[in-house]
Amino acid sequence: MTSEWKECKVGNVIYINPVETLKKREVYKKIPMEKLIPFCRDIPEFEYSEYSVGTKFRNYDTIIVKEHFK
């Protein structure tokens, strides 16, 4: 029995942290972390704000968040 699966490096099939450029002090959509719903693809709401620093995402990105609880 032969498998149809091929072994490859993950970087050959997906982009991990692609470069995304935003200009500081320009206004862009922002999604506050508290607005995200666990295990849900839909973004319930966003806001517009001036970009200064932070993580940048593209449409259709998969976001994985690791939270630390005290």
PDB file of N, CA and C in Angstrom:
ATOM      1  N   MET A   1       0.853  -1.175   0.000  1.00  0.00           N
ATOM      2  CA  MET A   1       0.000   0.000   0.000  1.00  0.00           C
ATOM      3  C   MET A   1       0.903   1.244   0.000  1.00  0.00           C
ATOM      4  N   THR A   2       0.767   2.079  -0.980  1.00  0.00           N
ATOM      5  CA  THR A   2       1.573   3.296  -1.052  1.00  0.00           C
ATOM      6  C   THR A   2       0.737   4.497  -0.647  1.00  0.00           C
ATOM      7  N   SER A   3       1.376   5.422  -0.004  1.00  0.00           N
ATOM      8  CA  SER A   3       0.689   6.624   0.471  1.00  0.00           C
ATOM      9  C   SER A   3       0.752   7.717  -0.589  1.00  0.00           C
ATOM     10  N   GLU A   4      -0.303   8.509  -0.675  1.00  0.00           N
ATOM     11  CA  GLU A   4      -0.320   9.647  -1.584  1.00  0.00           C
ATOM     12  C   GLU A   4       0.280  10.882  -0.926  1.00  0.00           C
ATOM     13  N   TRP A   5       0.616  10.794   0.344  1.00  0.00           N
ATOM     14  CA  TRP A   5       1.210  11.912   1.072  1.00  0.00           C
ATOM     15  C   TRP A   5       2.673  12.051   0.702  1.00  0.00           C
ATOM     16  N   LYS A   6       3.117  13.295   0.581  1.00  0.00           N
ATOM     17  CA  LYS A   6       4.528  13.564   0.330  1.00  0.00           C
ATOM     18  C   LYS A   6       5.099  14.316   1.520  1.00  0.00           C
ATOM     19  N   GLU A   7       6.318  14.000   1.877  1.00  0.00           N
ATOM     20  CA  GLU A   7       6.985  14.709   2.967  1.00  0.00           C
ATOM     21  C   GLU A   7       7.703  15.924   2.381  1.00  0.00           C
ATOM     22  N   CYS A   8       7.512  17.090   3.030  1.00  0.00           N
ATOM     23  CA  CYS A   8       8.178  18.312   2.572  1.00  0.00           C
ATOM     24  C   CYS A   8       8.319  19.276   3.749  1.00  0.00           C
ATOM     25  N   LYS A   9       9.066  20.321   3.538  1.00  0.00           N
ATOM     26  CA  LYS A   9       9.223  21.346   4.566  1.00  0.00           C
ATOM     27  C   LYS A   9       7.998  22.240   4.566  1.00  0.00           C
ATOM     28  N   VAL A  10       7.540  22.622   5.755  1.00  0.00           N
ATOM     29  CA  VAL A  10       6.339  23.445   5.864  1.00  0.00           C
ATOM     30  C   VAL A  10       6.497  24.767   5.102  1.00  0.00           C
ATOM     31  N   GLY A  11       7.705  25.320   5.080  1.00  0.00           N
ATOM     32  CA  GLY A  11       7.959  26.569   4.365  1.00  0.00           C
ATOM     33  C   GLY A  11       7.794  26.458   2.861  1.00  0.00           C
ATOM     34  N   ASN A  12       7.733  25.231   2.339  1.00  0.00           N
ATOM     35  CA  ASN A  12       7.514  25.029   0.901  1.00  0.00           C
ATOM     36  C   ASN A  12       6.040  25.088   0.519  1.00  0.00           C
ATOM     37  N   VAL A  13       5.148  25.047   1.496  1.00  0.00           N
ATOM     38  CA  VAL A  13       3.712  25.032   1.170  1.00  0.00           C
ATOM     39  C   VAL A  13       2.930  26.200   1.780  1.00  0.00           C
ATOM     40  N   ILE A  14       3.520  26.920   2.740  1.00  0.00           N
ATOM     41  CA  ILE A  14       2.845  28.081   3.325  1.00  0.00           C
ATOM     42  C   ILE A  14       3.859  29.199   3.552  1.00  0.00           C
ATOM     43  N   TYR A  15       3.346  30.411   3.654  1.00  0.00           N
ATOM     44  CA  TYR A  15       4.182  31.557   4.015  1.00  0.00           C
ATOM     45  C   TYR A  15       4.082  31.761   5.514  1.00  0.00           C
ATOM     46  N   ILE A  16       5.202  31.849   6.176  1.00  0.00           N
ATOM     47  CA  ILE A  16       5.215  32.122   7.606  1.00  0.00           C
ATOM     48  C   ILE A  16       5.791  33.509   7.799  1.00  0.00           C
ATOM     49  N   ASN A  17       5.006  34.388   8.399  1.00  0.00           N
ATOM     50  CA  ASN A  17       5.400  35.779   8.656  1.00  0.00           C
ATOM     51  C   ASN A  17       5.900  36.499   7.404  1.00  0.00           C
ATOM     52  N   PRO A  18       5.059  36.578   6.346  1.00  0.00           N
ATOM     53  CA  PRO A  18       5.495  37.327   5.171  1.00  0.00           C
ATOM     54  C   PRO A  18       5.626  38.814   5.499  1.00  0.00           C
ATOM     55  N   VAL A  19       6.448  39.504   4.751  1.00  0.00           N
ATOM     56  CA  VAL A  19       6.669  40.931   4.999  1.00  0.00           C
ATOM     57  C   VAL A  19       5.427  41.712   4.578  1.00  0.00           C
ATOM     58  N   GLU A  20       4.952  42.554   5.452  1.00  0.00           N
ATOM     59  CA  GLU A  20       3.810  43.431   5.184  1.00  0.00           C
ATOM     60  C   GLU A  20       4.215  44.820   5.635  1.00  0.00           C
ATOM     61  N   THR A  21       4.156  45.790   4.742  1.00  0.00           N
ATOM     62  CA  THR A  21       4.607  47.132   5.066  1.00  0.00           C
ATOM     63  C   THR A  21       3.430  48.077   5.259  1.00  0.00           C
ATOM     64  N   LEU A  22       3.400  48.737   6.390  1.00  0.00           N
ATOM     65  CA  LEU A  22       2.424  49.794   6.667  1.00  0.00           C
ATOM     66  C   LEU A  22       3.195  51.046   7.042  1.00  0.00           C
ATOM     67  N   LYS A  23       2.714  52.178   6.604  1.00  0.00           N
ATOM     68  CA  LYS A  23       3.385  53.436   6.913  1.00  0.00           C
ATOM     69  C   LYS A  23       2.913  53.964   8.258  1.00  0.00           C
ATOM     70  N   LYS A  24       3.865  54.364   9.091  1.00  0.00           N
ATOM     71  CA  LYS A  24       3.524  54.937  10.395  1.00  0.00           C
ATOM     72  C   LYS A  24       2.726  56.218  10.193  1.00  0.00           C
ATOM     73  N   ARG A  25       1.803  56.444  11.094  1.00  0.00           N
ATOM     74  CA  ARG A  25       0.911  57.607  11.125  1.00  0.00           C
ATOM     75  C   ARG A  25      -0.138  57.596  10.015  1.00  0.00           C
ATOM     76  N   GLU A  26      -0.241  56.520   9.224  1.00  0.00           N
ATOM     77  CA  GLU A  26      -1.324  56.359   8.260  1.00  0.00           C
ATOM     78  C   GLU A  26      -2.450  55.601   8.968  1.00  0.00           C
ATOM     79  N   VAL A  27      -3.689  55.775   8.518  1.00  0.00           N
ATOM     80  CA  VAL A  27      -4.844  55.124   9.145  1.00  0.00           C
ATOM     81  C   VAL A  27      -5.144  53.808   8.422  1.00  0.00           C
ATOM     82  N   TYR A  28      -5.278  52.737   9.225  1.00  0.00           N
ATOM     83  CA  TYR A  28      -5.573  51.404   8.712  1.00  0.00           C
ATOM     84  C   TYR A  28      -6.610  50.741   9.603  1.00  0.00           C
ATOM     85  N   LYS A  29      -7.178  49.628   9.114  1.00  0.00           N
ATOM     86  CA  LYS A  29      -8.076  48.832   9.947  1.00  0.00           C
ATOM     87  C   LYS A  29      -7.267  48.178  11.055  1.00  0.00           C
ATOM     88  N   LYS A  30      -7.853  48.125  12.249  1.00  0.00           N
ATOM     89  CA  LYS A  30      -7.203  47.491  13.400  1.00  0.00           C
ATOM     90  C   LYS A  30      -8.213  46.556  14.052  1.00  0.00           C
ATOM     91  N   ILE A  31      -7.743  45.377  14.440  1.00  0.00           N
ATOM     92  CA  ILE A  31      -8.599  44.410  15.133  1.00  0.00           C
ATOM     93  C   ILE A  31      -8.047  44.221  16.529  1.00  0.00           C
ATOM     94  N   PRO A  32      -8.683  44.817  17.537  1.00  0.00           N
ATOM     95  CA  PRO A  32      -8.212  44.613  18.909  1.00  0.00           C
ATOM     96  C   PRO A  32      -8.375  43.142  19.315  1.00  0.00           C
ATOM     97  N   MET A  33      -7.398  42.606  20.018  1.00  0.00           N
ATOM     98  CA  MET A  33      -7.425  41.201  20.417  1.00  0.00           C
ATOM     99  C   MET A  33      -8.689  40.834  21.184  1.00  0.00           C
ATOM    100  N   GLU A  34      -9.197  41.746  22.000  1.00  0.00           N
ATOM    101  CA  GLU A  34     -10.397  41.430  22.786  1.00  0.00           C
ATOM    102  C   GLU A  34     -11.643  41.288  21.918  1.00  0.00           C
ATOM    103  N   LYS A  35     -11.563  41.678  20.656  1.00  0.00           N
ATOM    104  CA  LYS A  35     -12.701  41.543  19.737  1.00  0.00           C
ATOM    105  C   LYS A  35     -12.718  40.192  19.036  1.00  0.00           C
ATOM    106  N   LEU A  36     -11.610  39.441  19.085  1.00  0.00           N
ATOM    107  CA  LEU A  36     -11.557  38.135  18.436  1.00  0.00           C
ATOM    108  C   LEU A  36     -12.282  37.091  19.253  1.00  0.00           C
ATOM    109  N   ILE A  37     -12.948  36.178  18.567  1.00  0.00           N
ATOM    110  CA  ILE A  37     -13.698  35.102  19.215  1.00  0.00           C
ATOM    111  C   ILE A  37     -12.937  33.801  18.972  1.00  0.00           C
ATOM    112  N   PRO A  38     -12.574  33.066  20.043  1.00  0.00           N
ATOM    113  CA  PRO A  38     -11.830  31.808  19.856  1.00  0.00           C
ATOM    114  C   PRO A  38     -12.557  30.836  18.933  1.00  0.00           C
ATOM    115  N   PHE A  39     -11.806  30.173  18.072  1.00  0.00           N
ATOM    116  CA  PHE A  39     -12.298  29.142  17.159  1.00  0.00           C
ATOM    117  C   PHE A  39     -13.343  29.668  16.173  1.00  0.00           C
ATOM    118  N   CYS A  40     -13.280  30.940  15.854  1.00  0.00           N
ATOM    119  CA  CYS A  40     -14.235  31.549  14.923  1.00  0.00           C
ATOM    120  C   CYS A  40     -13.465  32.254  13.817  1.00  0.00           C
ATOM    121  N   ARG A  41     -13.850  32.027  12.575  1.00  0.00           N
ATOM    122  CA  ARG A  41     -13.169  32.665  11.448  1.00  0.00           C
ATOM    123  C   ARG A  41     -13.585  34.102  11.247  1.00  0.00           C
ATOM    124  N   ASP A  42     -14.806  34.418  11.634  1.00  0.00           N
ATOM    125  CA  ASP A  42     -15.336  35.751  11.370  1.00  0.00           C
ATOM    126  C   ASP A  42     -14.777  36.781  12.340  1.00  0.00           C
ATOM    127  N   ILE A  43     -14.489  37.958  11.816  1.00  0.00           N
ATOM    128  CA  ILE A  43     -14.052  39.080  12.639  1.00  0.00           C
ATOM    129  C   ILE A  43     -15.298  39.917  12.902  1.00  0.00           C
ATOM    130  N   PRO A  44     -15.797  39.942  14.136  1.00  0.00           N
ATOM    131  CA  PRO A  44     -17.072  40.613  14.408  1.00  0.00           C
ATOM    132  C   PRO A  44     -17.023  42.128  14.223  1.00  0.00           C
ATOM    133  N   GLU A  45     -15.877  42.728  14.486  1.00  0.00           N
ATOM    134  CA  GLU A  45     -15.765  44.169  14.294  1.00  0.00           C
ATOM    135  C   GLU A  45     -14.304  44.586  14.262  1.00  0.00           C
ATOM    136  N   PHE A  46     -14.077  45.759  13.725  1.00  0.00           N
ATOM    137  CA  PHE A  46     -12.734  46.327  13.672  1.00  0.00           C
ATOM    138  C   PHE A  46     -12.872  47.825  13.845  1.00  0.00           C
ATOM    139  N   GLU A  47     -11.754  48.478  13.944  1.00  0.00           N
ATOM    140  CA  GLU A  47     -11.769  49.939  14.060  1.00  0.00           C
ATOM    141  C   GLU A  47     -10.680  50.487  13.145  1.00  0.00           C
ATOM    142  N   TYR A  48     -10.759  51.752  12.876  1.00  0.00           N
ATOM    143  CA  TYR A  48      -9.709  52.419  12.114  1.00  0.00           C
ATOM    144  C   TYR A  48      -8.847  53.192  13.090  1.00  0.00           C
ATOM    145  N   SER A  49      -7.542  53.054  12.939  1.00  0.00           N
ATOM    146  CA  SER A  49      -6.661  53.841  13.805  1.00  0.00           C
ATOM    147  C   SER A  49      -5.331  54.072  13.100  1.00  0.00           C
ATOM    148  N   GLU A  50      -4.616  55.048  13.614  1.00  0.00           N
ATOM    149  CA  GLU A  50      -3.316  55.406  13.075  1.00  0.00           C
ATOM    150  C   GLU A  50      -2.320  54.315  13.447  1.00  0.00           C
ATOM    151  N   TYR A  51      -1.560  53.828  12.480  1.00  0.00           N
ATOM    152  CA  TYR A  51      -0.590  52.767  12.736  1.00  0.00           C
ATOM    153  C   TYR A  51       0.682  53.354  13.344  1.00  0.00           C
ATOM    154  N   SER A  52       1.163  52.697  14.402  1.00  0.00           N
ATOM    155  CA  SER A  52       2.455  53.087  14.969  1.00  0.00           C
ATOM    156  C   SER A  52       3.362  51.852  15.029  1.00  0.00           C
ATOM    157  N   VAL A  53       2.972  50.847  15.784  1.00  0.00           N
ATOM    158  CA  VAL A  53       3.699  49.575  15.834  1.00  0.00           C
ATOM    159  C   VAL A  53       2.690  48.462  16.058  1.00  0.00           C
ATOM    160  N   GLY A  54       3.085  47.252  15.762  1.00  0.00           N
ATOM    161  CA  GLY A  54       2.212  46.116  16.035  1.00  0.00           C
ATOM    162  C   GLY A  54       2.268  45.082  14.931  1.00  0.00           C
ATOM    163  N   THR A  55       1.597  43.980  15.171  1.00  0.00           N
ATOM    164  CA  THR A  55       1.547  42.887  14.222  1.00  0.00           C
ATOM    165  C   THR A  55       0.638  43.249  13.067  1.00  0.00           C
ATOM    166  N   LYS A  56       1.020  42.845  11.868  1.00  0.00           N
ATOM    167  CA  LYS A  56       0.238  43.153  10.675  1.00  0.00           C
ATOM    168  C   LYS A  56      -0.280  41.852  10.074  1.00  0.00           C
ATOM    169  N   PHE A  57      -1.516  41.886   9.582  1.00  0.00           N
ATOM    170  CA  PHE A  57      -2.136  40.714   8.980  1.00  0.00           C
ATOM    171  C   PHE A  57      -2.681  41.061   7.606  1.00  0.00           C
ATOM    172  N   ARG A  58      -2.799  40.050   6.767  1.00  0.00           N
ATOM    173  CA  ARG A  58      -3.430  40.172   5.456  1.00  0.00           C
ATOM    174  C   ARG A  58      -4.763  39.437   5.485  1.00  0.00           C
ATOM    175  N   ASN A  59      -5.634  39.725   4.525  1.00  0.00           N
ATOM    176  CA  ASN A  59      -6.874  38.962   4.396  1.00  0.00           C
ATOM    177  C   ASN A  59      -6.536  37.490   4.238  1.00  0.00           C
ATOM    178  N   TYR A  60      -7.324  36.643   4.859  1.00  0.00           N
ATOM    179  CA  TYR A  60      -7.215  35.180   4.822  1.00  0.00           C
ATOM    180  C   TYR A  60      -6.046  34.620   5.623  1.00  0.00           C
ATOM    181  N   ASP A  61      -5.343  35.454   6.386  1.00  0.00           N
ATOM    182  CA  ASP A  61      -4.302  34.934   7.264  1.00  0.00           C
ATOM    183  C   ASP A  61      -4.925  34.065   8.351  1.00  0.00           C
ATOM    184  N   THR A  62      -4.171  33.102   8.826  1.00  0.00           N
ATOM    185  CA  THR A  62      -4.556  32.315   9.988  1.00  0.00           C
ATOM    186  C   THR A  62      -3.791  32.888  11.169  1.00  0.00           C
ATOM    187  N   ILE A  63      -4.526  33.257  12.208  1.00  0.00           N
ATOM    188  CA  ILE A  63      -3.915  33.885  13.380  1.00  0.00           C
ATOM    189  C   ILE A  63      -3.923  32.878  14.521  1.00  0.00           C
ATOM    190  N   ILE A  64      -2.758  32.627  15.079  1.00  0.00           N
ATOM    191  CA  ILE A  64      -2.646  31.730  16.223  1.00  0.00           C
ATOM    192  C   ILE A  64      -2.111  32.565  17.378  1.00  0.00           C
ATOM    193  N   VAL A  65      -2.857  32.585  18.474  1.00  0.00           N
ATOM    194  CA  VAL A  65      -2.488  33.415  19.617  1.00  0.00           C
ATOM    195  C   VAL A  65      -2.202  32.518  20.810  1.00  0.00           C
ATOM    196  N   LYS A  66      -1.115  32.794  21.477  1.00  0.00           N
ATOM    197  CA  LYS A  66      -0.778  32.073  22.696  1.00  0.00           C
ATOM    198  C   LYS A  66      -0.961  33.050  23.847  1.00  0.00           C
ATOM    199  N   GLU A  67      -1.857  32.719  24.745  1.00  0.00           N
ATOM    200  CA  GLU A  67      -2.113  33.595  25.894  1.00  0.00           C
ATOM    201  C   GLU A  67      -1.487  33.007  27.144  1.00  0.00           C
ATOM    202  N   HIS A  68      -0.980  33.876  27.973  1.00  0.00           N
ATOM    203  CA  HIS A  68      -0.423  33.456  29.257  1.00  0.00           C
ATOM    204  C   HIS A  68      -1.380  33.913  30.358  1.00  0.00           C
ATOM    205  N   PHE A  69      -1.786  32.984  31.178  1.00  0.00           N
ATOM    206  CA  PHE A  69      -2.687  33.295  32.284  1.00  0.00           C
ATOM    207  C   PHE A  69      -1.926  33.218  33.591  1.00  0.00           C
ATOM    208  N   LYS A  70      -2.261  34.100  34.502  1.00  0.00           N
ATOM    209  CA  LYS A  70      -1.607  34.097  35.813  1.00  0.00           C
ATOM    210  C   LYS A  70      -2.422  33.320  36.806  1.00  0.00           C
TER     211      LYS A  70
END
